[in-house]
Amino acid sequence: MIAMVTDKRRQEWVGRVVSNKMEKTVVVAVEHFVPHPFYRKVLRRVTKLKAHDEQNACQVGDRVRLIQTRPISKDKHWRVAQIVERGRPE
């Protein structure tokens, strides 16, 4: 998905939950497309982000909306703003 800017300072991403084994943390795979620098073929890139999930509500396969936030830990700079749709694990 493409990064959407709603606030001047905060980015939003939409992605799929790939892991929820940590407490209050989920790993979300965000997919984006970039052109190859020489061949111009559009390539799919996947970025894995760690996000804060306060209620442990997210399950593997869910589509979630992330919002950028202050650093919560070394790797966690995102929090789950909304569960867009419930999914089943793939």
N, C-alpha and C. Protein backbone atom coordinates (compact mmCIF):
# COMPACT_ATOMS: atom_id res chain seq x y z
N MET A 1 0.83 -1.17 0.00
CA MET A 1 0.00 0.00 0.00
C MET A 1 0.88 1.25 0.00
N ILE A 2 0.32 2.34 -0.38
CA ILE A 2 1.04 3.60 -0.47
C ILE A 2 0.93 4.33 0.88
N ALA A 3 1.99 5.05 1.23
CA ALA A 3 1.95 5.84 2.46
C ALA A 3 1.00 7.00 2.26
N MET A 4 0.11 7.20 3.22
CA MET A 4 -0.84 8.30 3.15
C MET A 4 -0.52 9.27 4.26
N VAL A 5 -0.46 10.55 3.94
CA VAL A 5 -0.16 11.55 4.95
C VAL A 5 -1.46 12.26 5.32
N THR A 6 -1.91 12.07 6.56
CA THR A 6 -3.12 12.76 7.01
C THR A 6 -2.73 13.99 7.82
N ASP A 7 -1.73 13.86 8.64
CA ASP A 7 -1.20 14.96 9.43
C ASP A 7 0.13 15.33 8.79
N LYS A 8 0.59 16.53 9.01
CA LYS A 8 1.87 16.94 8.42
C LYS A 8 3.03 16.14 8.97
N ARG A 9 2.88 15.58 10.18
CA ARG A 9 4.00 14.90 10.82
C ARG A 9 3.86 13.39 10.87
N ARG A 10 2.66 12.84 10.67
CA ARG A 10 2.44 11.41 10.86
C ARG A 10 2.06 10.72 9.56
N GLN A 11 2.74 9.63 9.30
CA GLN A 11 2.40 8.81 8.14
C GLN A 11 1.44 7.72 8.55
N GLU A 12 0.69 7.21 7.60
CA GLU A 12 -0.17 6.06 7.82
C GLU A 12 0.16 5.00 6.78
N TRP A 13 0.12 3.75 7.20
CA TRP A 13 0.33 2.62 6.31
C TRP A 13 -0.76 1.60 6.56
N VAL A 14 -1.09 0.83 5.55
CA VAL A 14 -2.03 -0.28 5.68
C VAL A 14 -1.28 -1.54 5.31
N GLY A 15 -1.38 -2.57 6.16
CA GLY A 15 -0.65 -3.80 5.90
C GLY A 15 -1.31 -4.99 6.59
N ARG A 16 -0.70 -6.17 6.42
CA ARG A 16 -1.22 -7.41 6.99
C ARG A 16 -0.38 -7.82 8.18
N VAL A 17 -1.04 -8.31 9.22
CA VAL A 17 -0.34 -8.81 10.41
C VAL A 17 0.25 -10.17 10.07
N VAL A 18 1.58 -10.31 10.26
CA VAL A 18 2.24 -11.59 9.97
C VAL A 18 2.66 -12.30 11.24
N SER A 19 2.70 -11.59 12.38
CA SER A 19 3.07 -12.22 13.64
C SER A 19 2.47 -11.44 14.79
N ASN A 20 1.96 -12.18 15.78
CA ASN A 20 1.45 -11.55 17.00
C ASN A 20 1.94 -12.30 18.23
N LYS A 21 3.13 -12.89 18.14
CA LYS A 21 3.66 -13.72 19.22
C LYS A 21 4.21 -12.92 20.39
N MET A 22 4.48 -11.63 20.17
CA MET A 22 4.98 -10.79 21.26
C MET A 22 3.81 -10.17 22.01
N GLU A 23 4.08 -9.75 23.23
CA GLU A 23 3.03 -9.13 24.03
C GLU A 23 2.90 -7.66 23.65
N LYS A 24 1.70 -7.23 23.31
CA LYS A 24 1.38 -5.86 22.92
C LYS A 24 2.14 -5.38 21.69
N THR A 25 2.63 -6.31 20.87
CA THR A 25 3.36 -5.97 19.66
C THR A 25 2.93 -6.89 18.53
N VAL A 26 2.75 -6.33 17.35
CA VAL A 26 2.48 -7.12 16.15
C VAL A 26 3.48 -6.75 15.07
N VAL A 27 3.79 -7.70 14.21
CA VAL A 27 4.65 -7.43 13.06
C VAL A 27 3.72 -7.33 11.85
N VAL A 28 3.81 -6.22 11.13
CA VAL A 28 2.92 -5.95 10.01
C VAL A 28 3.76 -5.85 8.74
N ALA A 29 3.36 -6.59 7.71
CA ALA A 29 4.02 -6.53 6.40
C ALA A 29 3.30 -5.50 5.55
N VAL A 30 4.03 -4.46 5.14
CA VAL A 30 3.48 -3.41 4.29
C VAL A 30 4.07 -3.57 2.91
N GLU A 31 3.20 -3.63 1.92
CA GLU A 31 3.63 -3.86 0.54
C GLU A 31 3.61 -2.53 -0.22
N HIS A 32 4.67 -2.27 -0.97
CA HIS A 32 4.70 -1.07 -1.81
C HIS A 32 5.43 -1.41 -3.10
N PHE A 33 5.23 -0.59 -4.11
CA PHE A 33 5.76 -0.85 -5.44
C PHE A 33 6.73 0.26 -5.83
N VAL A 34 7.89 -0.14 -6.35
CA VAL A 34 8.90 0.81 -6.79
C VAL A 34 9.39 0.42 -8.18
N PRO A 35 9.68 1.39 -9.04
CA PRO A 35 10.23 1.04 -10.35
C PRO A 35 11.71 0.70 -10.25
N HIS A 36 12.16 -0.25 -11.06
CA HIS A 36 13.58 -0.57 -11.13
C HIS A 36 14.31 0.64 -11.69
N PRO A 37 15.46 1.00 -11.13
CA PRO A 37 16.12 2.23 -11.57
C PRO A 37 16.53 2.24 -13.04
N PHE A 38 16.85 1.10 -13.60
CA PHE A 38 17.29 1.08 -15.00
C PHE A 38 16.19 0.56 -15.92
N TYR A 39 15.60 -0.60 -15.56
CA TYR A 39 14.65 -1.26 -16.46
C TYR A 39 13.23 -0.71 -16.36
N ARG A 40 12.92 0.04 -15.31
CA ARG A 40 11.62 0.66 -15.10
C ARG A 40 10.49 -0.35 -14.88
N LYS A 41 10.82 -1.61 -14.69
CA LYS A 41 9.79 -2.59 -14.33
C LYS A 41 9.37 -2.31 -12.88
N VAL A 42 8.10 -2.42 -12.61
CA VAL A 42 7.60 -2.15 -11.27
C VAL A 42 7.82 -3.38 -10.40
N LEU A 43 8.52 -3.20 -9.29
CA LEU A 43 8.85 -4.29 -8.39
C LEU A 43 8.04 -4.16 -7.11
N ARG A 44 7.66 -5.30 -6.55
CA ARG A 44 6.93 -5.32 -5.28
C ARG A 44 7.93 -5.45 -4.15
N ARG A 45 7.85 -4.57 -3.19
CA ARG A 45 8.73 -4.61 -2.03
C ARG A 45 7.86 -4.75 -0.78
N VAL A 46 8.35 -5.52 0.18
CA VAL A 46 7.62 -5.73 1.43
C VAL A 46 8.50 -5.25 2.58
N THR A 47 7.94 -4.39 3.41
CA THR A 47 8.62 -3.89 4.60
C THR A 47 7.89 -4.41 5.82
N LYS A 48 8.64 -4.95 6.77
CA LYS A 48 8.03 -5.44 8.00
C LYS A 48 8.23 -4.40 9.09
N LEU A 49 7.14 -3.97 9.69
CA LEU A 49 7.17 -2.97 10.74
C LEU A 49 6.62 -3.57 12.03
N LYS A 50 7.22 -3.19 13.16
CA LYS A 50 6.68 -3.59 14.46
C LYS A 50 5.79 -2.48 14.96
N ALA A 51 4.59 -2.86 15.41
CA ALA A 51 3.61 -1.87 15.84
C ALA A 51 3.07 -2.22 17.21
N HIS A 52 2.69 -1.19 17.95
CA HIS A 52 2.15 -1.35 19.30
C HIS A 52 0.67 -1.68 19.20
N ASP A 53 0.25 -2.76 19.87
CA ASP A 53 -1.15 -3.19 19.90
C ASP A 53 -1.53 -3.32 21.37
N GLU A 54 -2.11 -2.28 21.93
CA GLU A 54 -2.33 -2.20 23.37
C GLU A 54 -3.23 -3.31 23.91
N GLN A 55 -4.30 -3.66 23.20
CA GLN A 55 -5.24 -4.65 23.71
C GLN A 55 -4.94 -6.07 23.22
N ASN A 56 -3.88 -6.29 22.49
CA ASN A 56 -3.59 -7.59 21.86
C ASN A 56 -4.78 -8.07 21.05
N ALA A 57 -5.41 -7.17 20.30
CA ALA A 57 -6.63 -7.48 19.55
C ALA A 57 -6.34 -8.05 18.17
N CYS A 58 -5.17 -7.81 17.62
CA CYS A 58 -4.85 -8.22 16.25
C CYS A 58 -4.49 -9.70 16.19
N GLN A 59 -4.96 -10.35 15.14
CA GLN A 59 -4.63 -11.73 14.87
C GLN A 59 -3.86 -11.79 13.55
N VAL A 60 -3.17 -12.90 13.32
CA VAL A 60 -2.43 -13.09 12.08
C VAL A 60 -3.42 -13.10 10.92
N GLY A 61 -3.11 -12.33 9.88
CA GLY A 61 -3.98 -12.25 8.70
C GLY A 61 -4.86 -11.02 8.67
N ASP A 62 -4.98 -10.30 9.79
CA ASP A 62 -5.80 -9.09 9.83
C ASP A 62 -5.15 -7.99 9.00
N ARG A 63 -5.99 -7.16 8.39
CA ARG A 63 -5.50 -5.96 7.71
C ARG A 63 -5.65 -4.81 8.67
N VAL A 64 -4.55 -4.09 8.94
CA VAL A 64 -4.57 -3.03 9.95
C VAL A 64 -4.03 -1.74 9.37
N ARG A 65 -4.46 -0.64 9.98
CA ARG A 65 -3.96 0.68 9.62
C ARG A 65 -3.01 1.12 10.72
N LEU A 66 -1.77 1.48 10.34
CA LEU A 66 -0.75 1.90 11.29
C LEU A 66 -0.59 3.40 11.21
N ILE A 67 -0.27 4.01 12.36
CA ILE A 67 0.02 5.43 12.39
C ILE A 67 1.35 5.61 13.09
N GLN A 68 2.14 6.53 12.57
CA GLN A 68 3.47 6.78 13.12
C GLN A 68 3.33 7.45 14.48
N THR A 69 4.18 7.06 15.42
CA THR A 69 4.11 7.59 16.78
C THR A 69 5.52 7.76 17.34
N ARG A 70 5.60 8.20 18.56
CA ARG A 70 6.90 8.37 19.19
C ARG A 70 7.57 7.01 19.35
N PRO A 71 8.89 6.94 19.49
CA PRO A 71 9.55 5.65 19.70
C PRO A 71 9.08 5.01 21.01
N ILE A 72 8.55 3.80 20.90
CA ILE A 72 8.07 3.07 22.07
C ILE A 72 9.17 2.14 22.57
N SER A 73 9.94 1.60 21.64
CA SER A 73 11.09 0.77 21.98
C SER A 73 12.12 0.94 20.87
N LYS A 74 13.13 0.08 20.86
CA LYS A 74 14.19 0.20 19.86
C LYS A 74 13.65 0.09 18.43
N ASP A 75 12.73 -0.84 18.20
CA ASP A 75 12.22 -1.09 16.85
C ASP A 75 10.79 -0.60 16.63
N LYS A 76 10.10 -0.23 17.68
CA LYS A 76 8.68 0.07 17.58
C LYS A 76 8.44 1.58 17.51
N HIS A 77 8.01 2.05 16.31
CA HIS A 77 7.71 3.47 16.11
C HIS A 77 6.33 3.65 15.50
N TRP A 78 5.51 2.62 15.54
CA TRP A 78 4.18 2.62 14.94
C TRP A 78 3.19 2.07 15.95
N ARG A 79 1.92 2.46 15.79
CA ARG A 79 0.88 1.84 16.61
C ARG A 79 -0.32 1.52 15.73
N VAL A 80 -1.07 0.53 16.15
CA VAL A 80 -2.24 0.10 15.38
C VAL A 80 -3.35 1.11 15.64
N ALA A 81 -3.81 1.77 14.58
CA ALA A 81 -4.87 2.76 14.71
C ALA A 81 -6.24 2.10 14.54
N GLN A 82 -6.31 1.08 13.66
CA GLN A 82 -7.61 0.49 13.36
C GLN A 82 -7.38 -0.87 12.72
N ILE A 83 -8.27 -1.80 13.01
CA ILE A 83 -8.29 -3.07 12.30
C ILE A 83 -9.26 -2.88 11.13
N VAL A 84 -8.73 -2.85 9.92
CA VAL A 84 -9.55 -2.57 8.74
C VAL A 84 -10.46 -3.75 8.43
N GLU A 85 -9.90 -4.95 8.42
CA GLU A 85 -10.71 -6.14 8.20
C GLU A 85 -10.06 -7.33 8.88
N ARG A 86 -10.91 -8.20 9.36
CA ARG A 86 -10.43 -9.43 9.99
C ARG A 86 -10.08 -10.40 8.88
N GLY A 87 -9.01 -11.14 9.08
CA GLY A 87 -8.59 -12.09 8.06
C GLY A 87 -8.28 -13.42 8.67
N ARG A 88 -8.09 -14.37 7.82
CA ARG A 88 -7.67 -15.68 8.32
C ARG A 88 -6.20 -15.86 7.99
N PRO A 89 -5.47 -16.61 8.79
CA PRO A 89 -4.04 -16.79 8.54
C PRO A 89 -3.79 -17.45 7.19
N GLU A 90 -2.71 -17.02 6.55
CA GLU A 90 -2.37 -17.59 5.24
C GLU A 90 -1.30 -18.63 5.38
